[in-house]
Amino acid sequence: ALPALLEAVPDRVTPVLLLVDPDPGQVKRLARAFPEAMLQFHGHEPPSLCEAAGLPYLKAVSVRRPGELLEAERAYAGAAGILADCPAPGGAAPGGNGLAFDWPAAVDEAREMRKPLVLAGGLNAGNVREAMMLLAPAALDVSSGVERAPGLKDVGMAEDFLRAAKG
């Protein structure tokens, strides 16, 4: 199913494969099968595992306290960017939980970053402008903020989000 899905992706779009604590063999298999993809690591992967595939990658950081973004930037020197997200509540899977971390507490740190910042976590049409003004991210990663029910994206909500982000 994944190869067929990736064939439908236009050439101008980079597919992103999201991984959570994969084993090294899985990372190498994915890199061989999908050399045009970018990897997005959301677990506790060491830098060596993220870099082993030889593909560009983003390292997701669950922002709990000031300093974590810059720490990740230093630790994952080979990353194409750092994805800032909210910690998952009580044992839930990372991402897509609709929660935002303390954006104002990360303003100074975001300004110091040298790598692109990708902002995720709790974004929606009502707050995306504030998030962009505070943190000036290079990219946005929205999921539950454009869903009418868990896992069910809403075209109207996505359009509203894009209008707000562009506005």
N, C-alpha and C. Protein backbone atom coordinates (compact mmCIF):
# COMPACT_ATOMS: atom_id res chain seq x y z
N ALA A 1 0.82 -1.20 0.00
CA ALA A 1 0.00 0.00 0.00
C ALA A 1 0.86 1.26 0.00
N LEU A 2 1.96 1.26 0.78
CA LEU A 2 2.82 2.45 0.84
C LEU A 2 3.46 2.75 -0.51
N PRO A 3 4.01 1.75 -1.24
CA PRO A 3 4.58 2.09 -2.55
C PRO A 3 3.55 2.71 -3.50
N ALA A 4 2.33 2.20 -3.52
CA ALA A 4 1.30 2.76 -4.39
C ALA A 4 0.94 4.18 -3.97
N LEU A 5 0.88 4.42 -2.67
CA LEU A 5 0.58 5.76 -2.17
C LEU A 5 1.68 6.73 -2.58
N LEU A 6 2.93 6.32 -2.44
CA LEU A 6 4.04 7.21 -2.79
C LEU A 6 4.11 7.48 -4.28
N GLU A 7 3.67 6.53 -5.11
CA GLU A 7 3.65 6.77 -6.55
C GLU A 7 2.68 7.88 -6.92
N ALA A 8 1.65 8.08 -6.11
CA ALA A 8 0.65 9.11 -6.38
C ALA A 8 1.11 10.50 -5.94
N VAL A 9 2.20 10.58 -5.21
CA VAL A 9 2.70 11.87 -4.71
C VAL A 9 3.42 12.61 -5.85
N PRO A 10 3.04 13.85 -6.11
CA PRO A 10 3.72 14.62 -7.17
C PRO A 10 5.22 14.77 -6.87
N ASP A 11 6.00 14.91 -7.93
CA ASP A 11 7.46 15.02 -7.79
C ASP A 11 7.88 16.20 -6.92
N ARG A 12 7.11 17.26 -6.91
CA ARG A 12 7.48 18.46 -6.15
C ARG A 12 7.27 18.29 -4.64
N VAL A 13 6.64 17.18 -4.23
CA VAL A 13 6.33 16.92 -2.82
C VAL A 13 7.28 15.86 -2.28
N THR A 14 7.90 16.14 -1.16
CA THR A 14 8.78 15.17 -0.51
C THR A 14 7.95 14.34 0.47
N PRO A 15 7.87 13.04 0.24
CA PRO A 15 7.15 12.21 1.21
C PRO A 15 7.92 12.15 2.53
N VAL A 16 7.19 12.15 3.63
CA VAL A 16 7.79 12.08 4.95
C VAL A 16 7.28 10.81 5.63
N LEU A 17 8.21 9.98 6.06
CA LEU A 17 7.87 8.74 6.76
C LEU A 17 8.08 8.96 8.25
N LEU A 18 7.00 8.87 9.01
CA LEU A 18 7.05 9.11 10.45
C LEU A 18 7.38 7.80 11.17
N LEU A 19 8.39 7.84 12.02
CA LEU A 19 8.85 6.65 12.74
C LEU A 19 8.92 6.93 14.23
N VAL A 20 8.57 5.92 15.02
CA VAL A 20 8.68 6.01 16.47
C VAL A 20 9.49 4.81 16.96
N ASP A 21 10.70 5.08 17.44
CA ASP A 21 11.59 4.05 17.96
C ASP A 21 11.72 2.83 17.05
N PRO A 22 12.06 3.04 15.77
CA PRO A 22 12.21 1.90 14.86
C PRO A 22 13.50 1.13 15.15
N ASP A 23 13.54 -0.10 14.70
CA ASP A 23 14.81 -0.84 14.83
C ASP A 23 15.69 -0.45 13.63
N PRO A 24 17.00 -0.58 13.77
CA PRO A 24 17.91 -0.17 12.69
C PRO A 24 17.61 -0.85 11.35
N GLY A 25 17.21 -2.11 11.39
CA GLY A 25 16.90 -2.81 10.14
C GLY A 25 15.73 -2.17 9.42
N GLN A 26 14.72 -1.76 10.16
CA GLN A 26 13.56 -1.11 9.56
C GLN A 26 13.96 0.20 8.89
N VAL A 27 14.81 0.97 9.56
CA VAL A 27 15.25 2.25 9.00
C VAL A 27 16.01 2.02 7.69
N LYS A 28 16.89 1.04 7.68
CA LYS A 28 17.67 0.75 6.47
C LYS A 28 16.77 0.24 5.34
N ARG A 29 15.80 -0.61 5.66
CA ARG A 29 14.87 -1.11 4.64
C ARG A 29 14.06 0.04 4.03
N LEU A 30 13.57 0.93 4.87
CA LEU A 30 12.80 2.07 4.37
C LEU A 30 13.65 2.98 3.50
N ALA A 31 14.89 3.21 3.89
CA ALA A 31 15.78 4.07 3.11
C ALA A 31 16.06 3.47 1.74
N ARG A 32 16.24 2.15 1.68
CA ARG A 32 16.46 1.50 0.39
C ARG A 32 15.20 1.54 -0.47
N ALA A 33 14.05 1.31 0.15
CA ALA A 33 12.79 1.24 -0.60
C ALA A 33 12.29 2.62 -1.04
N PHE A 34 12.58 3.65 -0.25
CA PHE A 34 12.04 5.00 -0.52
C PHE A 34 13.14 6.05 -0.42
N PRO A 35 14.10 6.01 -1.34
CA PRO A 35 15.26 6.93 -1.24
C PRO A 35 14.90 8.40 -1.43
N GLU A 36 13.68 8.68 -1.93
CA GLU A 36 13.26 10.07 -2.14
C GLU A 36 12.58 10.66 -0.91
N ALA A 37 12.42 9.86 0.13
CA ALA A 37 11.66 10.28 1.32
C ALA A 37 12.55 11.00 2.33
N MET A 38 11.87 11.71 3.21
CA MET A 38 12.48 12.28 4.40
C MET A 38 11.94 11.47 5.58
N LEU A 39 12.77 11.26 6.58
CA LEU A 39 12.34 10.53 7.76
C LEU A 39 12.03 11.53 8.88
N GLN A 40 11.04 11.20 9.67
CA GLN A 40 10.66 12.04 10.82
C GLN A 40 10.61 11.13 12.04
N PHE A 41 11.55 11.33 12.95
CA PHE A 41 11.70 10.48 14.13
C PHE A 41 11.01 11.09 15.34
N HIS A 42 10.10 10.34 15.95
CA HIS A 42 9.30 10.84 17.07
C HIS A 42 9.55 10.11 18.38
N GLY A 43 10.52 9.25 18.43
CA GLY A 43 10.75 8.49 19.65
C GLY A 43 12.01 8.92 20.37
N HIS A 44 12.70 7.94 20.90
CA HIS A 44 13.93 8.19 21.65
C HIS A 44 15.15 7.72 20.86
N GLU A 45 15.10 7.88 19.55
CA GLU A 45 16.16 7.41 18.67
C GLU A 45 17.46 8.18 18.92
N PRO A 46 18.57 7.46 18.99
CA PRO A 46 19.85 8.17 19.10
C PRO A 46 20.22 8.78 17.74
N PRO A 47 21.04 9.81 17.75
CA PRO A 47 21.44 10.43 16.48
C PRO A 47 22.02 9.42 15.49
N SER A 48 22.77 8.46 15.97
CA SER A 48 23.39 7.49 15.06
C SER A 48 22.33 6.71 14.27
N LEU A 49 21.22 6.37 14.89
CA LEU A 49 20.15 5.66 14.19
C LEU A 49 19.49 6.58 13.15
N CYS A 50 19.25 7.82 13.52
CA CYS A 50 18.61 8.77 12.60
C CYS A 50 19.47 9.00 11.36
N GLU A 51 20.77 8.98 11.53
CA GLU A 51 21.68 9.27 10.43
C GLU A 51 22.07 8.03 9.63
N ALA A 52 21.81 6.84 10.18
CA ALA A 52 22.23 5.59 9.53
C ALA A 52 21.60 5.40 8.17
N ALA A 53 20.40 5.92 7.96
CA ALA A 53 19.71 5.72 6.69
C ALA A 53 20.33 6.53 5.56
N GLY A 54 21.02 7.61 5.91
CA GLY A 54 21.59 8.47 4.88
C GLY A 54 20.56 9.34 4.19
N LEU A 55 19.37 9.44 4.77
CA LEU A 55 18.32 10.29 4.21
C LEU A 55 18.16 11.54 5.06
N PRO A 56 17.63 12.62 4.50
CA PRO A 56 17.34 13.78 5.34
C PRO A 56 16.31 13.39 6.38
N TYR A 57 16.42 13.99 7.56
CA TYR A 57 15.45 13.66 8.61
C TYR A 57 15.17 14.85 9.51
N LEU A 58 13.99 14.78 10.12
CA LEU A 58 13.59 15.72 11.17
C LEU A 58 13.58 14.95 12.48
N LYS A 59 14.01 15.60 13.54
CA LYS A 59 13.93 14.99 14.87
C LYS A 59 12.87 15.74 15.65
N ALA A 60 11.87 15.01 16.10
CA ALA A 60 10.80 15.59 16.91
C ALA A 60 11.24 15.67 18.36
N VAL A 61 10.90 16.77 18.99
CA VAL A 61 11.22 17.00 20.40
C VAL A 61 9.92 17.33 21.12
N SER A 62 9.64 16.60 22.17
CA SER A 62 8.50 16.92 23.03
C SER A 62 8.97 18.00 23.99
N VAL A 63 8.50 19.21 23.80
CA VAL A 63 9.01 20.35 24.55
C VAL A 63 8.34 20.41 25.92
N ARG A 64 9.14 20.09 26.93
CA ARG A 64 8.66 20.11 28.32
C ARG A 64 9.22 21.29 29.11
N ARG A 65 10.42 21.73 28.67
CA ARG A 65 11.10 22.79 29.42
C ARG A 65 11.99 23.59 28.47
N PRO A 66 12.29 24.82 28.84
CA PRO A 66 13.20 25.62 28.02
C PRO A 66 14.56 24.92 27.89
N GLY A 67 15.16 25.07 26.73
CA GLY A 67 16.47 24.50 26.47
C GLY A 67 16.44 23.23 25.64
N GLU A 68 15.30 22.56 25.59
CA GLU A 68 15.25 21.28 24.87
C GLU A 68 15.43 21.40 23.37
N LEU A 69 14.95 22.48 22.78
CA LEU A 69 15.11 22.64 21.33
C LEU A 69 16.59 22.82 20.96
N LEU A 70 17.28 23.65 21.70
CA LEU A 70 18.71 23.86 21.40
C LEU A 70 19.52 22.61 21.73
N GLU A 71 19.14 21.89 22.77
CA GLU A 71 19.82 20.63 23.09
C GLU A 71 19.65 19.64 21.95
N ALA A 72 18.45 19.54 21.41
CA ALA A 72 18.20 18.63 20.29
C ALA A 72 18.96 19.07 19.05
N GLU A 73 19.01 20.36 18.82
CA GLU A 73 19.74 20.86 17.67
C GLU A 73 21.22 20.47 17.73
N ARG A 74 21.79 20.55 18.93
CA ARG A 74 23.20 20.15 19.11
C ARG A 74 23.36 18.63 18.98
N ALA A 75 22.48 17.88 19.62
CA ALA A 75 22.59 16.42 19.63
C ALA A 75 22.36 15.81 18.25
N TYR A 76 21.43 16.39 17.50
CA TYR A 76 21.08 15.87 16.18
C TYR A 76 21.62 16.81 15.11
N ALA A 77 22.93 16.94 15.09
CA ALA A 77 23.60 17.89 14.19
C ALA A 77 23.32 17.58 12.73
N GLY A 78 23.04 16.33 12.40
CA GLY A 78 22.77 15.95 11.02
C GLY A 78 21.33 16.13 10.59
N ALA A 79 20.48 16.56 11.48
CA ALA A 79 19.05 16.72 11.16
C ALA A 79 18.83 17.87 10.19
N ALA A 80 17.85 17.71 9.33
CA ALA A 80 17.46 18.79 8.42
C ALA A 80 16.69 19.86 9.17
N GLY A 81 16.11 19.50 10.31
CA GLY A 81 15.35 20.44 11.12
C GLY A 81 14.90 19.77 12.40
N ILE A 82 14.39 20.60 13.31
CA ILE A 82 13.88 20.12 14.59
C ILE A 82 12.37 20.39 14.61
N LEU A 83 11.60 19.35 14.92
CA LEU A 83 10.15 19.47 15.00
C LEU A 83 9.77 19.60 16.47
N ALA A 84 9.19 20.71 16.83
CA ALA A 84 8.79 20.96 18.22
C ALA A 84 7.34 20.56 18.40
N ASP A 85 7.08 19.68 19.36
CA ASP A 85 5.74 19.16 19.60
C ASP A 85 5.48 19.17 21.10
N CYS A 86 4.23 18.95 21.45
CA CYS A 86 3.82 18.85 22.85
C CYS A 86 4.02 17.42 23.32
N PRO A 87 4.44 17.22 24.55
CA PRO A 87 4.53 15.85 25.06
C PRO A 87 3.16 15.17 25.00
N ALA A 88 3.17 13.90 24.67
CA ALA A 88 1.92 13.13 24.63
C ALA A 88 1.43 12.92 26.06
N PRO A 89 0.14 13.06 26.27
CA PRO A 89 -0.39 12.87 27.63
C PRO A 89 -0.36 11.39 28.04
N GLY A 90 0.06 11.15 29.27
CA GLY A 90 0.03 9.85 29.91
C GLY A 90 0.09 8.60 29.07
N GLY A 91 1.20 8.34 28.42
CA GLY A 91 1.39 7.10 27.70
C GLY A 91 0.79 7.05 26.31
N ALA A 92 0.17 8.14 25.86
CA ALA A 92 -0.39 8.16 24.51
C ALA A 92 0.73 8.19 23.49
N ALA A 93 0.41 7.80 22.27
CA ALA A 93 1.39 7.86 21.19
C ALA A 93 1.74 9.32 20.91
N PRO A 94 2.99 9.59 20.49
CA PRO A 94 3.37 10.97 20.21
C PRO A 94 2.62 11.54 19.01
N GLY A 95 2.33 12.82 19.07
CA GLY A 95 1.72 13.54 17.96
C GLY A 95 0.22 13.32 17.84
N GLY A 96 -0.42 14.28 17.20
CA GLY A 96 -1.84 14.17 16.91
C GLY A 96 -2.76 14.23 18.11
N ASN A 97 -2.26 14.78 19.22
CA ASN A 97 -3.09 14.81 20.44
C ASN A 97 -3.81 16.15 20.63
N GLY A 98 -3.56 17.11 19.75
CA GLY A 98 -4.28 18.38 19.82
C GLY A 98 -3.81 19.32 20.90
N LEU A 99 -2.68 19.05 21.50
CA LEU A 99 -2.17 19.89 22.59
C LEU A 99 -0.96 20.68 22.13
N ALA A 100 -0.84 21.89 22.65
CA ALA A 100 0.31 22.76 22.34
C ALA A 100 1.20 22.85 23.57
N PHE A 101 2.50 22.99 23.34
CA PHE A 101 3.41 23.27 24.45
C PHE A 101 3.38 24.78 24.72
N ASP A 102 4.13 25.23 25.69
CA ASP A 102 4.14 26.64 26.09
C ASP A 102 4.94 27.45 25.07
N TRP A 103 4.26 27.92 24.02
CA TRP A 103 4.95 28.65 22.95
C TRP A 103 5.69 29.88 23.46
N PRO A 104 5.09 30.73 24.29
CA PRO A 104 5.82 31.92 24.74
C PRO A 104 7.14 31.58 25.46
N ALA A 105 7.18 30.46 26.17
CA ALA A 105 8.41 30.08 26.88
C ALA A 105 9.53 29.67 25.93
N ALA A 106 9.20 29.40 24.67
CA ALA A 106 10.20 28.94 23.70
C ALA A 106 10.63 30.02 22.72
N VAL A 107 10.13 31.22 22.86
CA VAL A 107 10.40 32.29 21.89
C VAL A 107 11.89 32.57 21.75
N ASP A 108 12.59 32.82 22.85
CA ASP A 108 14.02 33.15 22.77
C ASP A 108 14.82 32.00 22.18
N GLU A 109 14.48 30.81 22.60
CA GLU A 109 15.18 29.63 22.11
C GLU A 109 14.98 29.44 20.61
N ALA A 110 13.76 29.62 20.14
CA ALA A 110 13.46 29.48 18.71
C ALA A 110 14.28 30.48 17.89
N ARG A 111 14.46 31.68 18.43
CA ARG A 111 15.25 32.70 17.72
C ARG A 111 16.72 32.32 17.62
N GLU A 112 17.22 31.56 18.59
CA GLU A 112 18.63 31.16 18.61
C GLU A 112 18.92 29.97 17.70
N MET A 113 17.90 29.24 17.32
CA MET A 113 18.12 28.02 16.54
C MET A 113 18.71 28.34 15.17
N ARG A 114 19.62 27.50 14.74
CA ARG A 114 20.21 27.62 13.42
C ARG A 114 19.50 26.72 12.41
N LYS A 115 18.99 25.61 12.87
CA LYS A 115 18.26 24.68 12.00
C LYS A 115 16.82 25.16 11.86
N PRO A 116 16.17 24.77 10.77
CA PRO A 116 14.75 25.11 10.63
C PRO A 116 13.92 24.50 11.76
N LEU A 117 12.98 25.27 12.24
CA LEU A 117 12.04 24.81 13.26
C LEU A 117 10.73 24.45 12.57
N VAL A 118 10.26 23.24 12.82
CA VAL A 118 8.95 22.81 12.35
C VAL A 118 8.07 22.77 13.59
N LEU A 119 6.96 23.47 13.54
CA LEU A 119 6.08 23.57 14.70
C LEU A 119 4.90 22.63 14.56
N ALA A 120 4.67 21.85 15.59
CA ALA A 120 3.55 20.91 15.64
C ALA A 120 2.90 21.03 17.02
N GLY A 121 1.75 20.42 17.14
CA GLY A 121 1.12 20.33 18.46
C GLY A 121 0.09 21.40 18.71
N GLY A 122 -1.17 21.03 18.64
CA GLY A 122 -2.24 21.93 19.02
C GLY A 122 -2.54 23.04 18.04
N LEU A 123 -1.99 22.97 16.85
CA LEU A 123 -2.24 24.03 15.87
C LEU A 123 -3.64 23.89 15.28
N ASN A 124 -4.28 25.03 15.06
CA ASN A 124 -5.59 25.09 14.40
C ASN A 124 -5.74 26.47 13.78
N ALA A 125 -6.84 26.67 13.08
CA ALA A 125 -7.05 27.96 12.40
C ALA A 125 -7.12 29.12 13.38
N GLY A 126 -7.53 28.86 14.60
CA GLY A 126 -7.68 29.93 15.58
C GLY A 126 -6.39 30.38 16.24
N ASN A 127 -5.33 29.56 16.16
CA ASN A 127 -4.10 29.94 16.86
C ASN A 127 -2.85 29.93 16.00
N VAL A 128 -2.97 29.55 14.74
CA VAL A 128 -1.78 29.41 13.91
C VAL A 128 -1.05 30.74 13.71
N ARG A 129 -1.76 31.83 13.58
CA ARG A 129 -1.09 33.14 13.41
C ARG A 129 -0.27 33.49 14.64
N GLU A 130 -0.86 33.29 15.82
CA GLU A 130 -0.12 33.56 17.06
C GLU A 130 1.14 32.71 17.13
N ALA A 131 1.01 31.43 16.82
CA ALA A 131 2.16 30.53 16.85
C ALA A 131 3.25 31.00 15.89
N MET A 132 2.85 31.40 14.71
CA MET A 132 3.81 31.86 13.71
C MET A 132 4.49 33.15 14.14
N MET A 133 3.72 34.07 14.72
CA MET A 133 4.30 35.34 15.16
C MET A 133 5.28 35.12 16.32
N LEU A 134 4.95 34.20 17.21
CA LEU A 134 5.82 33.95 18.36
C LEU A 134 7.10 33.22 17.97
N LEU A 135 6.98 32.16 17.19
CA LEU A 135 8.11 31.26 16.98
C LEU A 135 8.72 31.32 15.59
N ALA A 136 8.07 31.96 14.64
CA ALA A 136 8.57 32.08 13.27
C ALA A 136 9.09 30.75 12.73
N PRO A 137 8.26 29.71 12.76
CA PRO A 137 8.72 28.41 12.27
C PRO A 137 8.93 28.41 10.76
N ALA A 138 9.81 27.52 10.31
CA ALA A 138 10.04 27.35 8.87
C ALA A 138 8.90 26.57 8.23
N ALA A 139 8.23 25.74 9.04
CA ALA A 139 7.13 24.91 8.54
C ALA A 139 6.18 24.59 9.68
N LEU A 140 4.97 24.20 9.31
CA LEU A 140 3.94 23.82 10.28
C LEU A 140 3.54 22.37 10.03
N ASP A 141 3.23 21.66 11.09
CA ASP A 141 2.78 20.28 11.01
C ASP A 141 1.46 20.20 11.76
N VAL A 142 0.37 20.12 11.01
CA VAL A 142 -0.95 20.10 11.63
C VAL A 142 -1.61 18.75 11.36
N SER A 143 -2.32 18.24 12.35
CA SER A 143 -3.03 16.98 12.19
C SER A 143 -4.42 17.10 12.80
N SER A 144 -4.52 16.94 14.10
CA SER A 144 -5.84 16.96 14.74
C SER A 144 -6.53 18.32 14.62
N GLY A 145 -5.78 19.38 14.39
CA GLY A 145 -6.36 20.71 14.24
C GLY A 145 -7.18 20.89 12.98
N VAL A 146 -7.13 19.92 12.07
CA VAL A 146 -7.94 19.96 10.86
C VAL A 146 -8.79 18.69 10.73
N GLU A 147 -9.12 18.12 11.88
CA GLU A 147 -9.95 16.91 11.90
C GLU A 147 -11.31 17.20 12.54
N ARG A 148 -12.37 16.66 11.93
CA ARG A 148 -13.70 16.81 12.56
C ARG A 148 -13.95 15.69 13.54
N ALA A 149 -13.17 14.60 13.42
CA ALA A 149 -13.19 13.48 14.36
C ALA A 149 -11.80 12.85 14.28
N PRO A 150 -11.38 12.13 15.30
CA PRO A 150 -10.03 11.54 15.27
C PRO A 150 -9.76 10.75 13.98
N GLY A 151 -8.73 11.19 13.26
CA GLY A 151 -8.33 10.53 12.02
C GLY A 151 -9.12 10.92 10.79
N LEU A 152 -10.12 11.78 10.94
CA LEU A 152 -10.97 12.17 9.82
C LEU A 152 -10.73 13.65 9.49
N LYS A 153 -9.90 13.90 8.49
CA LYS A 153 -9.58 15.27 8.09
C LYS A 153 -10.80 15.94 7.46
N ASP A 154 -10.91 17.24 7.69
CA ASP A 154 -12.02 18.03 7.17
C ASP A 154 -11.46 19.07 6.19
N VAL A 155 -11.88 19.01 4.95
CA VAL A 155 -11.35 19.91 3.92
C VAL A 155 -11.59 21.37 4.31
N GLY A 156 -12.78 21.69 4.80
CA GLY A 156 -13.08 23.07 5.19
C GLY A 156 -12.16 23.54 6.31
N MET A 157 -11.91 22.68 7.30
CA MET A 157 -11.00 23.05 8.39
C MET A 157 -9.57 23.24 7.88
N ALA A 158 -9.17 22.40 6.93
CA ALA A 158 -7.83 22.54 6.35
C ALA A 158 -7.72 23.84 5.56
N GLU A 159 -8.76 24.19 4.81
CA GLU A 159 -8.75 25.46 4.08
C GLU A 159 -8.71 26.64 5.03
N ASP A 160 -9.49 26.58 6.11
CA ASP A 160 -9.47 27.65 7.11
C ASP A 160 -8.08 27.79 7.72
N PHE A 161 -7.46 26.67 8.01
CA PHE A 161 -6.11 26.67 8.59
C PHE A 161 -5.13 27.34 7.62
N LEU A 162 -5.17 26.95 6.36
CA LEU A 162 -4.27 27.53 5.38
C LEU A 162 -4.50 29.03 5.20
N ARG A 163 -5.76 29.44 5.18
CA ARG A 163 -6.06 30.88 5.07
C ARG A 163 -5.50 31.63 6.28
N ALA A 164 -5.71 31.09 7.47
CA ALA A 164 -5.21 31.74 8.67
C ALA A 164 -3.68 31.80 8.67
N ALA A 165 -3.04 30.73 8.24
CA ALA A 165 -1.58 30.70 8.21
C ALA A 165 -1.02 31.70 7.20
N LYS A 166 -1.69 31.85 6.08
CA LYS A 166 -1.23 32.78 5.05
C LYS A 166 -1.54 34.22 5.43
N GLY A 167 -2.62 34.43 6.23
CA GLY A 167 -3.09 35.76 6.56
C GLY A 167 -2.12 36.52 7.40
